């Protein structure tokens, strides 16, 4: 059915968006935090946190809602383990975001701390890896390179 195909396409689009974004954040954005400068860092970090929400919250919510919907409305040719694995990876991403990265961002808003910065970059590999695995998974569900 067309609705199930649209569901999978919306899910894939959100996942691909977030995978590209997390790689940019991991390789470019987070490492550059140290170059902002101590005096200006708290204001920079607060602006970063406010603006980032507009870019990540809508696709993360779309990815979560469509990922859960795929558990019940599974397209023909998609194996049951695929959406379940995707949801497990989403749970890991959301848990890491809430319990680790968001807390580190809030602490960094008080001022730059090299140890917190290193921890942010190091722990973000969890999300980078999980979203990368999700990309492989959604491409497989789409039939790329083929089921």
Protein backbone atom coordinates (compact mmCIF):
# COMPACT_ATOMS: atom_id res chain seq x y z
CA UNK A 1 0.00 0.00 0.00
CA UNK A 2 1.08 3.54 -0.75
CA UNK A 3 0.63 4.70 2.88
CA UNK A 4 3.06 2.08 4.17
CA UNK A 5 5.58 3.03 1.48
CA UNK A 6 5.21 6.71 2.43
CA UNK A 7 5.73 5.76 6.08
CA UNK A 8 8.97 3.96 5.26
CA UNK A 9 10.16 6.83 3.05
CA UNK A 10 9.46 9.40 5.79
CA UNK A 11 11.29 7.21 8.28
CA UNK A 12 14.27 6.81 5.97
CA UNK A 13 14.40 10.55 5.27
CA UNK A 14 14.47 11.37 9.00
CA UNK A 15 17.13 8.74 9.67
CA UNK A 16 19.32 9.87 6.78
CA UNK A 17 18.98 13.53 7.86
CA UNK A 18 19.97 12.67 11.43
CA UNK A 19 22.88 10.47 10.34
CA UNK A 20 24.33 13.22 8.18
CA UNK A 21 23.81 15.75 10.95
CA UNK A 22 25.38 13.61 13.67
CA UNK A 23 28.49 13.00 11.56
CA UNK A 24 28.84 16.75 10.99
CA UNK A 25 28.41 17.37 14.71
CA UNK A 26 30.87 14.61 15.64
CA UNK A 27 33.64 15.50 13.18
CA UNK A 28 33.27 19.28 12.82
CA UNK A 29 30.96 20.98 15.29
CA UNK A 30 31.78 19.41 18.68
CA UNK A 31 35.55 19.41 18.15
CA UNK A 32 35.42 23.16 17.40
CA UNK A 33 33.81 24.00 20.75
CA UNK A 34 37.31 24.40 22.22
CA UNK A 35 38.12 27.16 19.74
CA UNK A 36 35.25 29.44 20.82
CA UNK A 37 37.16 30.98 23.70
CA UNK A 38 36.50 30.83 27.42
CA UNK A 39 34.84 34.23 27.88
CA UNK A 40 32.34 33.87 25.08
CA UNK A 41 31.64 30.17 25.51
CA UNK A 42 28.64 30.29 27.91
CA UNK A 43 26.68 32.58 25.57
CA UNK A 44 27.75 30.54 22.55
CA UNK A 45 26.69 27.29 24.24
CA UNK A 46 23.28 28.67 25.21
CA UNK A 47 22.67 29.85 21.64
CA UNK A 48 23.89 26.50 20.34
CA UNK A 49 21.42 24.65 22.56
CA UNK A 50 18.50 26.89 21.55
CA UNK A 51 19.18 26.76 17.82
CA UNK A 52 20.04 23.07 17.67
CA UNK A 53 16.58 22.14 18.90
CA UNK A 54 14.98 23.58 15.77
CA UNK A 55 17.18 21.37 13.60
CA UNK A 56 17.09 18.08 15.52
CA UNK A 57 13.77 17.83 17.37
CA UNK A 58 11.40 17.60 14.35
CA UNK A 59 13.38 14.88 12.50
CA UNK A 60 14.04 12.98 15.75
CA UNK A 61 10.32 12.97 16.55
CA UNK A 62 9.45 11.98 12.97
CA UNK A 63 11.99 9.18 13.12
CA UNK A 64 10.63 7.94 16.45
CA UNK A 65 6.95 8.06 15.44
CA UNK A 66 7.52 6.44 12.05
CA UNK A 67 9.90 3.88 13.56
CA UNK A 68 7.25 2.81 16.06
CA UNK A 69 4.57 2.80 13.35
CA UNK A 70 6.70 0.45 11.24
CA UNK A 71 6.37 -2.16 13.99
CA UNK A 72 2.67 -2.44 13.08
CA UNK A 73 2.60 -1.34 9.45
CA UNK A 74 5.54 -3.27 8.06
CA UNK A 75 6.07 -2.97 4.32
CA UNK A 76 6.14 -6.13 2.24
CA UNK A 77 9.70 -7.45 2.09
CA UNK A 78 10.77 -5.86 5.38
CA UNK A 79 11.62 -8.52 7.94
CA UNK A 80 10.11 -8.16 11.44
CA UNK A 81 13.56 -7.91 13.07
CA UNK A 82 14.44 -4.81 11.04
CA UNK A 83 11.96 -2.32 12.55
CA UNK A 84 12.51 -3.86 15.99
CA UNK A 85 16.26 -3.42 15.67
CA UNK A 86 15.67 0.14 14.52
CA UNK A 87 13.54 0.89 17.58
CA UNK A 88 16.20 -0.58 19.89
CA UNK A 89 18.79 1.70 18.27
CA UNK A 90 16.41 4.65 18.66
CA UNK A 91 16.02 3.82 22.37
CA UNK A 92 19.81 3.85 22.69
CA UNK A 93 20.04 7.20 20.87
CA UNK A 94 17.29 8.86 22.91
CA UNK A 95 18.65 7.49 26.19
CA UNK A 96 22.17 8.67 25.40
CA UNK A 97 20.86 12.07 24.32
CA UNK A 98 18.79 12.57 27.48
CA UNK A 99 21.13 11.08 30.06
CA UNK A 100 24.54 11.99 28.66
CA UNK A 101 24.79 14.59 25.89
CA UNK A 102 21.98 16.92 27.11
CA UNK A 103 23.42 16.92 30.63
CA UNK A 104 26.90 17.67 29.33
CA UNK A 105 25.53 20.53 27.23
CA UNK A 106 23.77 21.99 30.27
CA UNK A 107 26.98 21.78 32.29
CA UNK A 108 28.99 23.37 29.49
CA UNK A 109 26.51 26.26 29.42
CA UNK A 110 28.09 27.34 32.71
CA UNK A 111 31.49 27.67 31.04
CA UNK A 112 33.92 25.75 28.90
CA UNK A 113 35.52 22.79 30.64
CA UNK A 114 38.05 20.77 28.61
CA UNK A 115 37.23 17.53 30.45
CA UNK A 116 33.48 17.93 29.83
CA UNK A 117 34.20 18.80 26.20
CA UNK A 118 36.30 15.64 25.73
CA UNK A 119 33.56 13.60 27.38
CA UNK A 120 30.93 15.12 25.06
CA UNK A 121 32.95 14.25 21.96
CA UNK A 122 33.79 10.75 23.22
CA UNK A 123 30.27 9.82 24.34
CA UNK A 124 28.70 11.19 21.16
CA UNK A 125 30.27 8.27 19.29
CA UNK A 126 27.43 6.16 20.75
CA UNK A 127 24.86 8.21 18.85
CA UNK A 128 27.04 8.51 15.75
CA UNK A 129 27.46 4.74 15.61
CA UNK A 130 23.79 4.02 16.34
CA UNK A 131 22.56 6.42 13.63
CA UNK A 132 25.07 4.97 11.17
CA UNK A 133 23.74 1.48 11.89
CA UNK A 134 20.20 2.82 11.46
CA UNK A 135 21.16 4.14 8.03
CA UNK A 136 22.35 0.70 6.96
CA UNK A 137 19.12 -0.73 8.34
CA UNK A 138 16.76 1.71 6.59
CA UNK A 139 18.63 1.35 3.31
CA UNK A 140 18.18 -2.41 3.62
CA UNK A 141 14.46 -1.92 4.33
CA UNK A 142 14.23 0.28 1.23
CA UNK A 143 15.87 -2.45 -0.81
CA UNK A 144 19.20 -0.66 -1.32
CA UNK A 145 21.19 -2.43 -2.65
CA UNK A 146 18.48 -5.08 -2.66
CA UNK A 147 16.68 -7.53 -0.40
